[in-house]
Amino acid sequence: MAEKHQGWTRNQLLVAFYLYCQMPFGKMHSKNGDIIKFAALIGRTPSALAMKLTNIASLDPAITSTGRKGLTSASASDKKMWEEMQHGWEDFALESQAEVDALLPTADEMENDLTSQPLGTADGESPENYVGTEKITQAKIRIGQNFFRRSVMSAYQNRCCITGLSHSRLLVASHIVPWRWDANNRLNPRNGLCLSALHDRAFDQGLITLTTEFRVKVSKEIKTGESNLFSSEWLSGIEGKLIALPEKFQPDKEFIEWHHAHVFLSE
C-alpha cells in the first residue's frame, strides 16, 4: 500500500521509459520476466512498473489513435519526461542506458535479450563517418544506434513493414530522414521504419518512398527498368501497398514528406 503513494524518482522513470522504448507493446504486463526483473531492481512491484508503462503509452499518439488508451492517469512527471524525450532523443538514450547499466553492471541474460539484435549501419554509412566535427565517441554512437534499432524493431514487432519478413538478420531499422541530415532526430524512432535489407537499400537510394497515407510509392526508374519475376513481386509490385503501422512511435509525416522531396527519385 505504501508504494501507491510513493512518487517515482527520476532514475526509476528513466528505466520505465527505457523499457517502453525497447519493449513491444504486447509485452508490457506484470507477468513479463523483464518487467519482473527490472521492477525488483528499481524497488517497485511488477504491477506498478507495468502500470507505469501503460501510463506512458497513454501519451503516445500511435497508441491513443487506435483507441487503446492504456491508463489515463499519466502523472505530471510522466508528461514532463515524455516531452524531454521527444525533444532530446540522444540525451535521453544516453542517460537511460547509463541508468540501466548502473543496475546491471555485468552482462545479464535479460539485458542481452533486449540488446542482442545485430546492428546494421545507419543509412549505408559506417559509424566512423559521424565522428569528427561533432566529436561523438564511438561508445556513444553505438549506444545510440542500439537504442534506435531496438526502439524501431520493437515498435514494428520485429517485422518488415512492407513484406512482413521477420528474420532478424535480414531486417534494418531504416532512417526516414538519413542520419547524416538531421542530428536532432537521429535516434527518434518516429524517424524510423523496420524494413528488409532489400527495401532499406531501395528506400535509402530513393527507389521507393512513402506517401503521407503510409502507402508505398515506387520510382519511375524501377517501373521502367528491367522486368523480371523478382522485380515485379518485390519492387514494382509493391506500388500503393499500405505498410503495417507500428504499435508505437508512428512515423512522423513531416519526415516522410522530407524523404519524398529530397531522396525519392520522382523523375
C-alpha atoms as a PDB file:
ATOM      1  CA  MET A   1       0.000   0.000   0.000  1.00  0.00           C
ATOM      2  CA  ALA A   2       2.818   2.384   0.795  1.00  0.00           C
ATOM      3  CA  GLU A   3       4.114   2.131  -2.751  1.00  0.00           C
ATOM      4  CA  LYS A   4       0.863   3.557  -4.083  1.00  0.00           C
ATOM      5  CA  HIS A   5       1.645   6.911  -2.505  1.00  0.00           C
ATOM      6  CA  GLN A   6       5.371   6.897  -3.203  1.00  0.00           C
ATOM      7  CA  GLY A   7       6.388   9.161  -6.055  1.00  0.00           C
ATOM      8  CA  TRP A   8       8.569   7.827  -8.822  1.00  0.00           C
ATOM      9  CA  THR A   9      12.123   9.111  -8.817  1.00  0.00           C
ATOM     10  CA  ARG A  10      13.781  10.351 -11.981  1.00  0.00           C
ATOM     11  CA  ASN A  11      16.017   7.266 -12.057  1.00  0.00           C
ATOM     12  CA  GLN A  12      13.006   4.962 -11.834  1.00  0.00           C
ATOM     13  CA  LEU A  13      11.226   6.872 -14.594  1.00  0.00           C
ATOM     14  CA  LEU A  14      14.284   6.637 -16.824  1.00  0.00           C
ATOM     15  CA  VAL A  15      14.160   2.858 -16.532  1.00  0.00           C
ATOM     16  CA  ALA A  16      10.411   2.784 -17.198  1.00  0.00           C
ATOM     17  CA  PHE A  17      10.739   4.985 -20.284  1.00  0.00           C
ATOM     18  CA  TYR A  18      13.706   2.929 -21.466  1.00  0.00           C
ATOM     19  CA  LEU A  19      11.571  -0.210 -21.276  1.00  0.00           C
ATOM     20  CA  TYR A  20       8.701   1.497 -23.077  1.00  0.00           C
ATOM     21  CA  CYS A  21      11.019   2.361 -25.952  1.00  0.00           C
ATOM     22  CA  GLN A  22      12.685  -1.040 -26.156  1.00  0.00           C
ATOM     23  CA  MET A  23       9.820  -3.439 -25.461  1.00  0.00           C
ATOM     24  CA  PRO A  24       6.929  -4.465 -27.746  1.00  0.00           C
ATOM     25  CA  PHE A  25       3.626  -3.057 -26.513  1.00  0.00           C
ATOM     26  CA  GLY A  26       2.108  -6.522 -26.099  1.00  0.00           C
ATOM     27  CA  LYS A  27       4.788  -7.489 -23.561  1.00  0.00           C
ATOM     28  CA  MET A  28       4.147  -4.610 -21.177  1.00  0.00           C
ATOM     29  CA  HIS A  29       2.463  -6.658 -18.474  1.00  0.00           C
ATOM     30  CA  SER A  30       3.318  -7.773 -14.951  1.00  0.00           C
ATOM     31  CA  LYS A  31       3.967 -11.412 -15.949  1.00  0.00           C
ATOM     32  CA  ASN A  32       6.782 -10.491 -18.335  1.00  0.00           C
ATOM     33  CA  GLY A  33      10.106 -11.700 -16.964  1.00  0.00           C
ATOM     34  CA  ASP A  34      11.870  -8.470 -17.924  1.00  0.00           C
ATOM     35  CA  ILE A  35       9.239  -6.417 -16.103  1.00  0.00           C
ATOM     36  CA  ILE A  36       9.608  -8.611 -13.021  1.00  0.00           C
ATOM     37  CA  LYS A  37      13.384  -8.320 -13.031  1.00  0.00           C
ATOM     38  CA  PHE A  38      13.559  -4.576 -13.581  1.00  0.00           C
ATOM     39  CA  ALA A  39      10.815  -3.956 -11.031  1.00  0.00           C
ATOM     40  CA  ALA A  40      12.922  -5.670  -8.381  1.00  0.00           C
ATOM     41  CA  LEU A  41      15.986  -3.675  -9.404  1.00  0.00           C
ATOM     42  CA  ILE A  42      14.230  -0.309  -9.019  1.00  0.00           C
ATOM     43  CA  GLY A  43      12.277  -1.214  -5.889  1.00  0.00           C
ATOM     44  CA  ARG A  44       8.817  -1.448  -7.443  1.00  0.00           C
ATOM     45  CA  THR A  45       6.334  -4.261  -7.867  1.00  0.00           C
ATOM     46  CA  PRO A  46       5.855  -5.783 -11.331  1.00  0.00           C
ATOM     47  CA  SER A  47       2.278  -4.485 -11.323  1.00  0.00           C
ATOM     48  CA  ALA A  48       3.445  -0.958 -10.548  1.00  0.00           C
ATOM     49  CA  LEU A  49       6.050  -0.997 -13.316  1.00  0.00           C
ATOM     50  CA  ALA A  50       3.619  -2.485 -15.844  1.00  0.00           C
ATOM     51  CA  MET A  51       1.069   0.153 -14.872  1.00  0.00           C
ATOM     52  CA  LYS A  52       3.664   2.869 -15.364  1.00  0.00           C
ATOM     53  CA  LEU A  53       4.331   1.603 -18.887  1.00  0.00           C
ATOM     54  CA  THR A  54       0.638   1.841 -19.715  1.00  0.00           C
ATOM     55  CA  ASN A  55       0.611   5.359 -18.266  1.00  0.00           C
ATOM     56  CA  ILE A  56       3.427   6.197 -20.670  1.00  0.00           C
ATOM     57  CA  ALA A  57       1.523   4.533 -23.516  1.00  0.00           C
ATOM     58  CA  SER A  58      -1.375   6.922 -22.906  1.00  0.00           C
ATOM     59  CA  LEU A  59       0.954   9.738 -24.012  1.00  0.00           C
ATOM     60  CA  ASP A  60       1.843   8.087 -27.333  1.00  0.00           C
ATOM     61  CA  PRO A  61      -0.412   9.202 -30.232  1.00  0.00           C
ATOM     62  CA  ALA A  62       0.286   5.908 -32.016  1.00  0.00           C
ATOM     63  CA  ILE A  63      -1.422   4.122 -29.122  1.00  0.00           C
ATOM     64  CA  THR A  64      -4.282   6.530 -28.481  1.00  0.00           C
ATOM     65  CA  SER A  65      -5.142   6.948 -32.185  1.00  0.00           C
ATOM     66  CA  THR A  66      -6.125   3.272 -32.353  1.00  0.00           C
ATOM     67  CA  GLY A  67      -8.445   3.541 -29.368  1.00  0.00           C
ATOM     68  CA  ARG A  68      -6.015   1.826 -26.991  1.00  0.00           C
ATOM     69  CA  LYS A  69      -5.757   4.471 -24.324  1.00  0.00           C
ATOM     70  CA  GLY A  70      -3.810   2.493 -21.765  1.00  0.00           C
ATOM     71  CA  LEU A  71      -4.235   4.038 -18.360  1.00  0.00           C
ATOM     72  CA  THR A  72      -5.079   7.719 -18.499  1.00  0.00           C
ATOM     73  CA  SER A  73      -3.521   8.638 -15.168  1.00  0.00           C
ATOM     74  CA  ALA A  74      -0.120   9.701 -16.510  1.00  0.00           C
ATOM     75  CA  SER A  75       1.482  11.936 -13.912  1.00  0.00           C
ATOM     76  CA  ALA A  76       2.973  15.371 -14.422  1.00  0.00           C
ATOM     77  CA  SER A  77       6.396  13.717 -14.146  1.00  0.00           C
ATOM     78  CA  ASP A  78       5.451  11.216 -16.862  1.00  0.00           C
ATOM     79  CA  LYS A  79       4.355  14.011 -19.180  1.00  0.00           C
ATOM     80  CA  LYS A  80       7.474  16.039 -18.443  1.00  0.00           C
ATOM     81  CA  MET A  81       9.790  13.131 -19.255  1.00  0.00           C
ATOM     82  CA  TRP A  82       7.802  12.310 -22.384  1.00  0.00           C
ATOM     83  CA  GLU A  83       8.368  15.850 -23.651  1.00  0.00           C
ATOM     84  CA  GLU A  84      12.018  15.728 -22.597  1.00  0.00           C
ATOM     85  CA  MET A  85      12.463  12.504 -24.540  1.00  0.00           C
ATOM     86  CA  GLN A  86      10.703  13.851 -27.640  1.00  0.00           C
ATOM     87  CA  HIS A  87      12.900  16.931 -27.750  1.00  0.00           C
ATOM     88  CA  GLY A  88      16.238  15.307 -26.903  1.00  0.00           C
ATOM     89  CA  TRP A  89      16.445  11.720 -28.072  1.00  0.00           C
ATOM     90  CA  GLU A  90      20.218  11.437 -27.923  1.00  0.00           C
ATOM     91  CA  ASP A  91      20.489  12.766 -24.374  1.00  0.00           C
ATOM     92  CA  PHE A  92      17.615  10.530 -23.301  1.00  0.00           C
ATOM     93  CA  ALA A  93      19.162   7.432 -24.896  1.00  0.00           C
ATOM     94  CA  LEU A  94      22.493   8.031 -23.193  1.00  0.00           C
ATOM     95  CA  GLU A  95      21.031   8.853 -19.775  1.00  0.00           C
ATOM     96  CA  SER A  96      18.531   5.987 -19.726  1.00  0.00           C
ATOM     97  CA  GLN A  97      21.153   3.493 -20.909  1.00  0.00           C
ATOM     98  CA  ALA A  98      23.514   4.712 -18.189  1.00  0.00           C
ATOM     99  CA  GLU A  99      20.798   4.115 -15.602  1.00  0.00           C
ATOM    100  CA  VAL A 100      20.185   0.590 -16.885  1.00  0.00           C
ATOM    101  CA  ASP A 101      23.924  -0.098 -16.933  1.00  0.00           C
ATOM    102  CA  ALA A 102      24.154   1.056 -13.317  1.00  0.00           C
ATOM    103  CA  LEU A 103      21.506  -1.511 -12.381  1.00  0.00           C
ATOM    104  CA  LEU A 104      23.110  -4.234 -14.471  1.00  0.00           C
ATOM    105  CA  PRO A 105      26.876  -3.701 -14.202  1.00  0.00           C
ATOM    106  CA  THR A 106      27.673  -7.026 -15.833  1.00  0.00           C
ATOM    107  CA  ALA A 107      26.279  -8.875 -18.823  1.00  0.00           C
ATOM    108  CA  ASP A 108      22.865 -10.233 -17.956  1.00  0.00           C
ATOM    109  CA  GLU A 109      20.521 -12.657 -19.714  1.00  0.00           C
ATOM    110  CA  MET A 110      17.639 -10.183 -19.736  1.00  0.00           C
ATOM    111  CA  GLU A 111      19.758  -7.282 -20.929  1.00  0.00           C
ATOM    112  CA  ASN A 112      21.223  -9.498 -23.626  1.00  0.00           C
ATOM    113  CA  ASP A 113      17.691 -10.263 -24.782  1.00  0.00           C
ATOM    114  CA  LEU A 114      16.989  -6.557 -25.140  1.00  0.00           C
ATOM    115  CA  THR A 115      20.260  -5.774 -26.904  1.00  0.00           C
ATOM    116  CA  SER A 116      21.132  -8.896 -28.853  1.00  0.00           C
ATOM    117  CA  GLN A 117      19.768  -7.882 -32.243  1.00  0.00           C
ATOM    118  CA  PRO A 118      22.572  -7.316 -34.753  1.00  0.00           C
ATOM    119  CA  LEU A 119      23.266  -3.735 -35.729  1.00  0.00           C
ATOM    120  CA  GLY A 120      23.013  -2.506 -39.267  1.00  0.00           C
ATOM    121  CA  THR A 121      24.937   0.531 -40.410  1.00  0.00           C
ATOM    122  CA  ALA A 122      22.885   3.697 -40.488  1.00  0.00           C
ATOM    123  CA  ASP A 123      21.882   4.834 -43.982  1.00  0.00           C
ATOM    124  CA  GLY A 124      24.747   2.970 -45.609  1.00  0.00           C
ATOM    125  CA  GLU A 125      27.432   4.788 -43.648  1.00  0.00           C
ATOM    126  CA  SER A 126      29.825   3.468 -41.032  1.00  0.00           C
ATOM    127  CA  PRO A 127      29.883   4.987 -37.532  1.00  0.00           C
ATOM    128  CA  GLU A 128      33.333   6.400 -38.218  1.00  0.00           C
ATOM    129  CA  ASN A 129      31.742   8.887 -40.608  1.00  0.00           C
ATOM    130  CA  TYR A 130      29.893  10.543 -37.734  1.00  0.00           C
ATOM    131  CA  VAL A 131      32.953  11.279 -35.641  1.00  0.00           C
ATOM    132  CA  GLY A 132      34.870  14.445 -36.415  1.00  0.00           C
ATOM    133  CA  THR A 133      33.072  17.759 -36.393  1.00  0.00           C
ATOM    134  CA  GLU A 134      30.581  16.532 -33.814  1.00  0.00           C
ATOM    135  CA  LYS A 135      33.284  14.683 -31.846  1.00  0.00           C
ATOM    136  CA  ILE A 136      30.890  11.936 -30.753  1.00  0.00           C
ATOM    137  CA  THR A 137      32.694   8.999 -29.221  1.00  0.00           C
ATOM    138  CA  GLN A 138      32.363   5.534 -30.689  1.00  0.00           C
ATOM    139  CA  ALA A 139      30.751   4.354 -27.457  1.00  0.00           C
ATOM    140  CA  LYS A 140      28.030   6.998 -27.680  1.00  0.00           C
ATOM    141  CA  ILE A 141      27.427   6.214 -31.331  1.00  0.00           C
ATOM    142  CA  ARG A 142      26.979   2.529 -30.556  1.00  0.00           C
ATOM    143  CA  ILE A 143      24.615   3.255 -27.663  1.00  0.00           C
ATOM    144  CA  GLY A 144      22.590   5.499 -29.934  1.00  0.00           C
ATOM    145  CA  GLN A 145      22.433   3.020 -32.795  1.00  0.00           C
ATOM    146  CA  ASN A 146      21.433   0.224 -30.431  1.00  0.00           C
ATOM    147  CA  PHE A 147      18.735   2.395 -28.862  1.00  0.00           C
ATOM    148  CA  PHE A 148      17.314   3.427 -32.235  1.00  0.00           C
ATOM    149  CA  ARG A 149      17.340  -0.090 -33.658  1.00  0.00           C
ATOM    150  CA  ARG A 150      15.667  -1.684 -30.638  1.00  0.00           C
ATOM    151  CA  SER A 151      13.065   1.078 -30.429  1.00  0.00           C
ATOM    152  CA  VAL A 152      12.136   0.727 -34.097  1.00  0.00           C
ATOM    153  CA  MET A 153      12.218  -3.074 -34.106  1.00  0.00           C
ATOM    154  CA  SER A 154      10.022  -3.369 -31.022  1.00  0.00           C
ATOM    155  CA  ALA A 155       7.544  -0.849 -32.458  1.00  0.00           C
ATOM    156  CA  TYR A 156       7.132  -2.947 -35.618  1.00  0.00           C
ATOM    157  CA  GLN A 157       7.146  -6.252 -33.709  1.00  0.00           C
ATOM    158  CA  ASN A 158      10.370  -7.239 -35.498  1.00  0.00           C
ATOM    159  CA  ARG A 159       8.722  -7.411 -38.922  1.00  0.00           C
ATOM    160  CA  CYS A 160       9.385  -5.563 -42.164  1.00  0.00           C
ATOM    161  CA  CYS A 161       6.541  -3.086 -42.516  1.00  0.00           C
ATOM    162  CA  ILE A 162       6.289  -3.768 -46.269  1.00  0.00           C
ATOM    163  CA  THR A 163       6.779  -7.526 -46.610  1.00  0.00           C
ATOM    164  CA  GLY A 164       6.168  -8.897 -43.126  1.00  0.00           C
ATOM    165  CA  LEU A 165       9.597 -10.571 -43.133  1.00  0.00           C
ATOM    166  CA  SER A 166      10.600 -11.423 -39.559  1.00  0.00           C
ATOM    167  CA  HIS A 167      14.148 -12.843 -39.864  1.00  0.00           C
ATOM    168  CA  SER A 168      16.166 -10.502 -37.635  1.00  0.00           C
ATOM    169  CA  ARG A 169      19.370 -10.809 -39.670  1.00  0.00           C
ATOM    170  CA  LEU A 170      17.552  -9.517 -42.740  1.00  0.00           C
ATOM    171  CA  LEU A 171      15.896  -6.546 -41.020  1.00  0.00           C
ATOM    172  CA  VAL A 172      17.153  -2.989 -40.792  1.00  0.00           C
ATOM    173  CA  ALA A 173      15.998  -0.081 -38.642  1.00  0.00           C
ATOM    174  CA  SER A 174      15.958   2.367 -41.522  1.00  0.00           C
ATOM    175  CA  HIS A 175      16.057   6.133 -41.069  1.00  0.00           C
ATOM    176  CA  ILE A 176      13.442   8.129 -42.986  1.00  0.00           C
ATOM    177  CA  VAL A 177      15.484  11.324 -42.865  1.00  0.00           C
ATOM    178  CA  PRO A 178      19.043   9.980 -43.152  1.00  0.00           C
ATOM    179  CA  TRP A 179      21.252  10.044 -40.060  1.00  0.00           C
ATOM    180  CA  ARG A 180      23.673  12.486 -41.674  1.00  0.00           C
ATOM    181  CA  TRP A 181      20.965  15.056 -42.461  1.00  0.00           C
ATOM    182  CA  ASP A 182      19.212  15.550 -39.130  1.00  0.00           C
ATOM    183  CA  ALA A 183      21.249  15.336 -35.942  1.00  0.00           C
ATOM    184  CA  ASN A 184      18.238  16.150 -33.755  1.00  0.00           C
ATOM    185  CA  ASN A 185      16.241  13.145 -34.959  1.00  0.00           C
ATOM    186  CA  ARG A 186      18.936  10.530 -35.424  1.00  0.00           C
ATOM    187  CA  LEU A 187      17.609   8.471 -32.536  1.00  0.00           C
ATOM    188  CA  ASN A 188      13.936   9.412 -32.835  1.00  0.00           C
ATOM    189  CA  PRO A 189      12.024   6.166 -33.501  1.00  0.00           C
ATOM    190  CA  ARG A 190       9.371   8.203 -35.343  1.00  0.00           C
ATOM    191  CA  ASN A 191      12.131   8.748 -37.904  1.00  0.00           C
ATOM    192  CA  GLY A 192      12.420   5.010 -38.419  1.00  0.00           C
ATOM    193  CA  LEU A 193      10.938   2.134 -40.378  1.00  0.00           C
ATOM    194  CA  CYS A 194      11.581  -1.577 -40.000  1.00  0.00           C
ATOM    195  CA  LEU A 195      12.495  -2.768 -43.490  1.00  0.00           C
ATOM    196  CA  SER A 196      14.044  -5.803 -45.104  1.00  0.00           C
ATOM    197  CA  ALA A 197      17.631  -5.261 -46.228  1.00  0.00           C
ATOM    198  CA  LEU A 198      16.449  -5.005 -49.844  1.00  0.00           C
ATOM    199  CA  HIS A 199      13.779  -2.415 -49.157  1.00  0.00           C
ATOM    200  CA  ASP A 200      16.026  -0.496 -46.788  1.00  0.00           C
ATOM    201  CA  ARG A 201      18.518  -0.094 -49.632  1.00  0.00           C
ATOM    202  CA  ALA A 202      15.778   0.847 -52.090  1.00  0.00           C
ATOM    203  CA  PHE A 203      14.410   3.417 -49.628  1.00  0.00           C
ATOM    204  CA  ASP A 204      17.866   4.834 -48.924  1.00  0.00           C
ATOM    205  CA  GLN A 205      18.580   5.178 -52.658  1.00  0.00           C
ATOM    206  CA  GLY A 206      15.246   6.858 -53.377  1.00  0.00           C
ATOM    207  CA  LEU A 207      13.864   3.975 -55.419  1.00  0.00           C
ATOM    208  CA  ILE A 208      10.849   3.765 -53.125  1.00  0.00           C
ATOM    209  CA  THR A 209       9.231   6.161 -50.682  1.00  0.00           C
ATOM    210  CA  LEU A 210       6.001   6.508 -48.721  1.00  0.00           C
ATOM    211  CA  THR A 211       3.030   8.791 -49.127  1.00  0.00           C
ATOM    212  CA  THR A 212       1.608  10.587 -46.104  1.00  0.00           C
ATOM    213  CA  GLU A 213      -1.124   7.924 -46.155  1.00  0.00           C
ATOM    214  CA  PHE A 214       1.644   5.365 -45.488  1.00  0.00           C
ATOM    215  CA  ARG A 215       1.436   3.730 -48.895  1.00  0.00           C
ATOM    216  CA  VAL A 216       4.490   2.671 -50.885  1.00  0.00           C
ATOM    217  CA  LYS A 217       5.419   4.716 -53.932  1.00  0.00           C
ATOM    218  CA  VAL A 218       7.834   3.208 -56.460  1.00  0.00           C
ATOM    219  CA  SER A 219      10.139   5.321 -58.615  1.00  0.00           C
ATOM    220  CA  LYS A 220       9.859   5.522 -62.384  1.00  0.00           C
ATOM    221  CA  GLU A 221      13.382   4.084 -62.604  1.00  0.00           C
ATOM    222  CA  ILE A 222      12.117   0.814 -61.122  1.00  0.00           C
ATOM    223  CA  LYS A 223       8.894   0.783 -63.133  1.00  0.00           C
ATOM    224  CA  THR A 224      10.664   1.267 -66.465  1.00  0.00           C
ATOM    225  CA  GLY A 225      13.727  -0.814 -65.677  1.00  0.00           C
ATOM    226  CA  GLU A 226      14.465  -4.475 -66.261  1.00  0.00           C
ATOM    227  CA  SER A 227      11.350  -6.539 -65.718  1.00  0.00           C
ATOM    228  CA  ASN A 228      11.542  -9.961 -64.122  1.00  0.00           C
ATOM    229  CA  LEU A 229       9.565 -12.006 -61.653  1.00  0.00           C
ATOM    230  CA  PHE A 230      11.612 -10.851 -58.654  1.00  0.00           C
ATOM    231  CA  SER A 231      11.352  -7.159 -59.504  1.00  0.00           C
ATOM    232  CA  SER A 232       7.667  -7.442 -60.316  1.00  0.00           C
ATOM    233  CA  GLU A 233       6.866  -9.044 -56.989  1.00  0.00           C
ATOM    234  CA  TRP A 234       9.213  -7.277 -54.580  1.00  0.00           C
ATOM    235  CA  LEU A 235       9.775  -3.831 -56.124  1.00  0.00           C
ATOM    236  CA  SER A 236       7.354  -2.578 -58.773  1.00  0.00           C
ATOM    237  CA  GLY A 237       4.716  -4.891 -57.366  1.00  0.00           C
ATOM    238  CA  ILE A 238       4.565  -3.081 -54.007  1.00  0.00           C
ATOM    239  CA  GLU A 239       3.314   0.184 -55.536  1.00  0.00           C
ATOM    240  CA  GLY A 240       0.404   1.506 -53.460  1.00  0.00           C
ATOM    241  CA  LYS A 241       0.803  -1.074 -50.714  1.00  0.00           C
ATOM    242  CA  LEU A 242      -0.184   0.105 -47.239  1.00  0.00           C
ATOM    243  CA  ILE A 243       2.626  -0.535 -44.772  1.00  0.00           C
ATOM    244  CA  ALA A 244       1.987  -2.259 -41.465  1.00  0.00           C
ATOM    245  CA  LEU A 245       1.968   0.601 -38.989  1.00  0.00           C
ATOM    246  CA  PRO A 246       3.888   0.230 -35.720  1.00  0.00           C
ATOM    247  CA  GLU A 247       2.288  -0.319 -32.335  1.00  0.00           C
ATOM    248  CA  LYS A 248       4.024   2.795 -31.022  1.00  0.00           C
ATOM    249  CA  PHE A 249       6.072   5.686 -32.423  1.00  0.00           C
ATOM    250  CA  GLN A 250       4.136   6.088 -35.680  1.00  0.00           C
ATOM    251  CA  PRO A 251       6.295   7.594 -38.463  1.00  0.00           C
ATOM    252  CA  ASP A 252       6.212  11.381 -38.488  1.00  0.00           C
ATOM    253  CA  LYS A 253       4.583  12.615 -41.698  1.00  0.00           C
ATOM    254  CA  GLU A 254       6.987  15.547 -41.853  1.00  0.00           C
ATOM    255  CA  PHE A 255       9.866  13.087 -42.145  1.00  0.00           C
ATOM    256  CA  ILE A 256       8.017  11.170 -44.859  1.00  0.00           C
ATOM    257  CA  GLU A 257       7.408  14.391 -46.800  1.00  0.00           C
ATOM    258  CA  TRP A 258      11.115  15.235 -46.476  1.00  0.00           C
ATOM    259  CA  HIS A 259      12.120  11.852 -47.884  1.00  0.00           C
ATOM    260  CA  HIS A 260       9.704  12.236 -50.783  1.00  0.00           C
ATOM    261  CA  ALA A 261      11.058  15.709 -51.590  1.00  0.00           C
ATOM    262  CA  HIS A 262      14.784  15.156 -51.068  1.00  0.00           C
ATOM    263  CA  VAL A 263      15.550  11.447 -51.570  1.00  0.00           C
ATOM    264  CA  PHE A 264      12.876   9.894 -53.789  1.00  0.00           C
ATOM    265  CA  LEU A 265      13.744   9.694 -57.490  1.00  0.00           C
ATOM    266  CA  SER A 266      10.493  11.121 -58.784  1.00  0.00           C
ATOM    267  CA  GLU A 267      11.679  11.536 -62.385  1.00  0.00           C
END
